[in-house]
Amino acid sequence: MRVTIVAKTSSGWWSVGLVVASVLFFVLSQVILGPGPDYDMALAYALTAVIAGIAAAAFVIGIISTMKSKDRSVFVFVAMAN
């Protein structure tokens, strides 16, 4: 078993890309909502659901990439841990 740093399959790159997207959505949601408890709760719940969905998709695609395509890279493992 050879472990590499970067992903070598397209599904591995999708997993890594989705994790990056979830982090960017998290930062964007913090900018949109702003500081303090006076923000719109419906919007906060919707943004949280989107971020959780993207992170869950990254996890599932990472599992598929690891099991099916044998993509054993550090980036994919970090994506699944996120």
N, C-alpha and C. Protein backbone atom coordinates (compact mmCIF):
# COMPACT_ATOMS: atom_id res chain seq x y z
N MET A 1 0.85 -1.18 0.00
CA MET A 1 0.00 0.00 0.00
C MET A 1 0.90 1.24 0.00
N ARG A 2 0.72 2.05 -1.00
CA ARG A 2 1.51 3.27 -1.14
C ARG A 2 0.64 4.48 -0.85
N VAL A 3 1.06 5.29 0.08
CA VAL A 3 0.32 6.49 0.45
C VAL A 3 1.00 7.69 -0.20
N THR A 4 0.22 8.47 -0.93
CA THR A 4 0.74 9.68 -1.57
C THR A 4 0.17 10.90 -0.87
N ILE A 5 0.66 12.06 -1.23
CA ILE A 5 0.19 13.30 -0.63
C ILE A 5 -1.09 13.79 -1.32
N VAL A 6 -1.05 13.91 -2.63
CA VAL A 6 -2.20 14.44 -3.38
C VAL A 6 -3.05 13.29 -3.93
N ALA A 7 -4.31 13.59 -4.17
CA ALA A 7 -5.23 12.59 -4.70
C ALA A 7 -4.86 12.26 -6.15
N LYS A 8 -5.06 11.00 -6.51
CA LYS A 8 -4.70 10.60 -7.87
C LYS A 8 -5.91 10.20 -8.71
N THR A 9 -7.10 10.18 -8.14
CA THR A 9 -8.31 9.86 -8.90
C THR A 9 -9.23 11.07 -8.91
N SER A 10 -10.16 11.06 -9.85
CA SER A 10 -11.09 12.19 -9.92
C SER A 10 -12.03 12.21 -8.72
N SER A 11 -12.42 11.05 -8.22
CA SER A 11 -13.30 11.05 -7.05
C SER A 11 -12.54 11.54 -5.81
N GLY A 12 -11.26 11.28 -5.74
CA GLY A 12 -10.46 11.81 -4.65
C GLY A 12 -10.38 13.33 -4.69
N TRP A 13 -10.21 13.86 -5.90
CA TRP A 13 -10.18 15.31 -6.05
C TRP A 13 -11.54 15.93 -5.75
N TRP A 14 -12.62 15.23 -6.10
CA TRP A 14 -13.95 15.73 -5.77
C TRP A 14 -14.13 15.82 -4.25
N SER A 15 -13.65 14.81 -3.54
CA SER A 15 -13.75 14.81 -2.09
C SER A 15 -12.98 15.99 -1.50
N VAL A 16 -11.77 16.21 -1.97
CA VAL A 16 -10.96 17.32 -1.48
C VAL A 16 -11.61 18.66 -1.84
N GLY A 17 -12.12 18.76 -3.06
CA GLY A 17 -12.78 19.99 -3.49
C GLY A 17 -14.02 20.31 -2.69
N LEU A 18 -14.78 19.28 -2.34
CA LEU A 18 -15.98 19.51 -1.54
C LEU A 18 -15.64 19.96 -0.13
N VAL A 19 -14.55 19.47 0.43
CA VAL A 19 -14.14 19.95 1.75
C VAL A 19 -13.72 21.41 1.68
N VAL A 20 -12.99 21.77 0.65
CA VAL A 20 -12.62 23.18 0.47
C VAL A 20 -13.87 24.03 0.31
N ALA A 21 -14.85 23.54 -0.44
CA ALA A 21 -16.10 24.27 -0.63
C ALA A 21 -16.85 24.43 0.68
N SER A 22 -16.87 23.39 1.52
CA SER A 22 -17.58 23.50 2.80
C SER A 22 -16.90 24.52 3.71
N VAL A 23 -15.57 24.58 3.69
CA VAL A 23 -14.88 25.58 4.50
C VAL A 23 -15.17 26.99 3.97
N LEU A 24 -15.17 27.15 2.65
CA LEU A 24 -15.49 28.45 2.07
C LEU A 24 -16.93 28.87 2.36
N PHE A 25 -17.86 27.93 2.30
CA PHE A 25 -19.25 28.24 2.66
C PHE A 25 -19.36 28.62 4.13
N PHE A 26 -18.58 27.98 4.99
CA PHE A 26 -18.61 28.33 6.41
C PHE A 26 -18.13 29.77 6.62
N VAL A 27 -17.03 30.12 5.98
CA VAL A 27 -16.52 31.49 6.09
C VAL A 27 -17.52 32.48 5.50
N LEU A 28 -18.10 32.14 4.37
CA LEU A 28 -19.10 33.01 3.75
C LEU A 28 -20.32 33.17 4.64
N SER A 29 -20.74 32.10 5.30
CA SER A 29 -21.91 32.22 6.19
C SER A 29 -21.60 33.10 7.37
N GLN A 30 -20.38 33.07 7.87
CA GLN A 30 -20.01 33.95 8.97
C GLN A 30 -20.00 35.42 8.53
N VAL A 31 -19.60 35.66 7.30
CA VAL A 31 -19.61 37.02 6.76
C VAL A 31 -21.04 37.49 6.55
N ILE A 32 -21.89 36.61 6.01
CA ILE A 32 -23.28 36.98 5.74
C ILE A 32 -24.04 37.23 7.03
N LEU A 33 -23.89 36.33 8.00
CA LEU A 33 -24.66 36.45 9.24
C LEU A 33 -24.14 37.55 10.15
N GLY A 34 -22.85 37.76 10.15
CA GLY A 34 -22.27 38.81 10.98
C GLY A 34 -22.18 38.40 12.43
N PRO A 35 -21.61 39.26 13.24
CA PRO A 35 -21.45 38.92 14.66
C PRO A 35 -22.75 39.12 15.44
N GLY A 36 -22.83 38.45 16.54
CA GLY A 36 -23.95 38.68 17.44
C GLY A 36 -25.11 37.74 17.25
N PRO A 37 -25.96 37.71 18.24
CA PRO A 37 -27.11 36.79 18.20
C PRO A 37 -28.33 37.35 17.48
N ASP A 38 -28.21 38.49 16.84
CA ASP A 38 -29.39 39.12 16.23
C ASP A 38 -29.56 38.78 14.75
N TYR A 39 -28.98 37.68 14.28
CA TYR A 39 -29.10 37.33 12.88
C TYR A 39 -30.33 36.45 12.65
N ASP A 40 -30.67 36.29 11.39
CA ASP A 40 -31.85 35.53 10.98
C ASP A 40 -31.61 34.03 11.20
N MET A 41 -32.39 33.43 12.07
CA MET A 41 -32.19 32.02 12.41
C MET A 41 -32.52 31.09 11.24
N ALA A 42 -33.52 31.44 10.44
CA ALA A 42 -33.86 30.59 9.29
C ALA A 42 -32.71 30.53 8.30
N LEU A 43 -32.09 31.66 8.06
CA LEU A 43 -30.93 31.70 7.18
C LEU A 43 -29.76 30.93 7.77
N ALA A 44 -29.57 31.05 9.07
CA ALA A 44 -28.49 30.32 9.74
C ALA A 44 -28.71 28.81 9.65
N TYR A 45 -29.93 28.37 9.83
CA TYR A 45 -30.23 26.93 9.71
C TYR A 45 -30.04 26.44 8.28
N ALA A 46 -30.45 27.25 7.31
CA ALA A 46 -30.29 26.85 5.91
C ALA A 46 -28.81 26.75 5.53
N LEU A 47 -28.03 27.72 5.94
CA LEU A 47 -26.59 27.68 5.64
C LEU A 47 -25.91 26.51 6.35
N THR A 48 -26.33 26.22 7.56
CA THR A 48 -25.77 25.08 8.29
C THR A 48 -26.12 23.78 7.59
N ALA A 49 -27.33 23.66 7.09
CA ALA A 49 -27.73 22.45 6.38
C ALA A 49 -26.93 22.28 5.09
N VAL A 50 -26.68 23.37 4.38
CA VAL A 50 -25.89 23.30 3.15
C VAL A 50 -24.46 22.88 3.46
N ILE A 51 -23.87 23.48 4.49
CA ILE A 51 -22.49 23.14 4.86
C ILE A 51 -22.40 21.68 5.31
N ALA A 52 -23.35 21.23 6.10
CA ALA A 52 -23.34 19.83 6.56
C ALA A 52 -23.54 18.87 5.40
N GLY A 53 -24.38 19.22 4.45
CA GLY A 53 -24.59 18.37 3.27
C GLY A 53 -23.34 18.26 2.42
N ILE A 54 -22.65 19.38 2.23
CA ILE A 54 -21.42 19.35 1.44
C ILE A 54 -20.36 18.52 2.15
N ALA A 55 -20.24 18.69 3.46
CA ALA A 55 -19.24 17.92 4.22
C ALA A 55 -19.57 16.42 4.21
N ALA A 56 -20.86 16.08 4.31
CA ALA A 56 -21.25 14.67 4.25
C ALA A 56 -20.97 14.08 2.87
N ALA A 57 -21.22 14.84 1.83
CA ALA A 57 -20.92 14.37 0.48
C ALA A 57 -19.42 14.15 0.30
N ALA A 58 -18.61 15.03 0.87
CA ALA A 58 -17.15 14.86 0.79
C ALA A 58 -16.72 13.59 1.50
N PHE A 59 -17.34 13.30 2.63
CA PHE A 59 -17.01 12.09 3.37
C PHE A 59 -17.37 10.84 2.57
N VAL A 60 -18.57 10.81 2.02
CA VAL A 60 -19.03 9.64 1.27
C VAL A 60 -18.18 9.44 0.01
N ILE A 61 -17.90 10.50 -0.70
CA ILE A 61 -17.08 10.38 -1.90
C ILE A 61 -15.65 9.97 -1.53
N GLY A 62 -15.16 10.43 -0.40
CA GLY A 62 -13.84 10.01 0.06
C GLY A 62 -13.80 8.53 0.38
N ILE A 63 -14.86 8.02 1.02
CA ILE A 63 -14.95 6.59 1.30
C ILE A 63 -14.98 5.80 0.00
N ILE A 64 -15.78 6.24 -0.95
CA ILE A 64 -15.86 5.56 -2.24
C ILE A 64 -14.51 5.59 -2.95
N SER A 65 -13.85 6.74 -2.90
CA SER A 65 -12.54 6.85 -3.54
C SER A 65 -11.52 5.94 -2.89
N THR A 66 -11.58 5.80 -1.58
CA THR A 66 -10.63 4.95 -0.87
C THR A 66 -10.91 3.47 -1.11
N MET A 67 -12.17 3.09 -1.06
CA MET A 67 -12.51 1.67 -1.18
C MET A 67 -12.49 1.19 -2.64
N LYS A 68 -13.14 1.92 -3.52
CA LYS A 68 -13.30 1.46 -4.90
C LYS A 68 -12.07 1.73 -5.75
N SER A 69 -11.57 2.96 -5.67
CA SER A 69 -10.46 3.36 -6.55
C SER A 69 -9.10 3.17 -5.91
N LYS A 70 -9.07 2.76 -4.65
CA LYS A 70 -7.82 2.55 -3.92
C LYS A 70 -6.96 3.83 -3.87
N ASP A 71 -7.62 4.97 -3.74
CA ASP A 71 -6.91 6.25 -3.65
C ASP A 71 -6.54 6.50 -2.20
N ARG A 72 -5.33 6.15 -1.85
CA ARG A 72 -4.86 6.30 -0.48
C ARG A 72 -3.90 7.50 -0.41
N SER A 73 -4.51 8.67 -0.37
CA SER A 73 -3.69 9.88 -0.30
C SER A 73 -4.03 10.65 0.97
N VAL A 74 -3.08 11.46 1.39
CA VAL A 74 -3.25 12.23 2.61
C VAL A 74 -4.40 13.22 2.45
N PHE A 75 -4.52 13.84 1.30
CA PHE A 75 -5.60 14.80 1.07
C PHE A 75 -6.98 14.15 1.23
N VAL A 76 -7.14 12.95 0.71
CA VAL A 76 -8.44 12.26 0.82
C VAL A 76 -8.71 11.87 2.27
N PHE A 77 -7.69 11.41 2.99
CA PHE A 77 -7.88 11.06 4.39
C PHE A 77 -8.25 12.28 5.23
N VAL A 78 -7.62 13.41 4.95
CA VAL A 78 -7.96 14.65 5.66
C VAL A 78 -9.36 15.10 5.30
N ALA A 79 -9.75 14.93 4.04
CA ALA A 79 -11.09 15.29 3.61
C ALA A 79 -12.14 14.44 4.33
N MET A 80 -11.84 13.16 4.52
CA MET A 80 -12.79 12.30 5.23
C MET A 80 -12.83 12.61 6.72
N ALA A 81 -11.73 13.08 7.27
CA ALA A 81 -11.69 13.41 8.70
C ALA A 81 -12.37 14.73 8.99
N ASN A 82 -12.48 15.58 7.98
CA ASN A 82 -13.09 16.87 8.19
C ASN A 82 -14.55 16.68 8.40
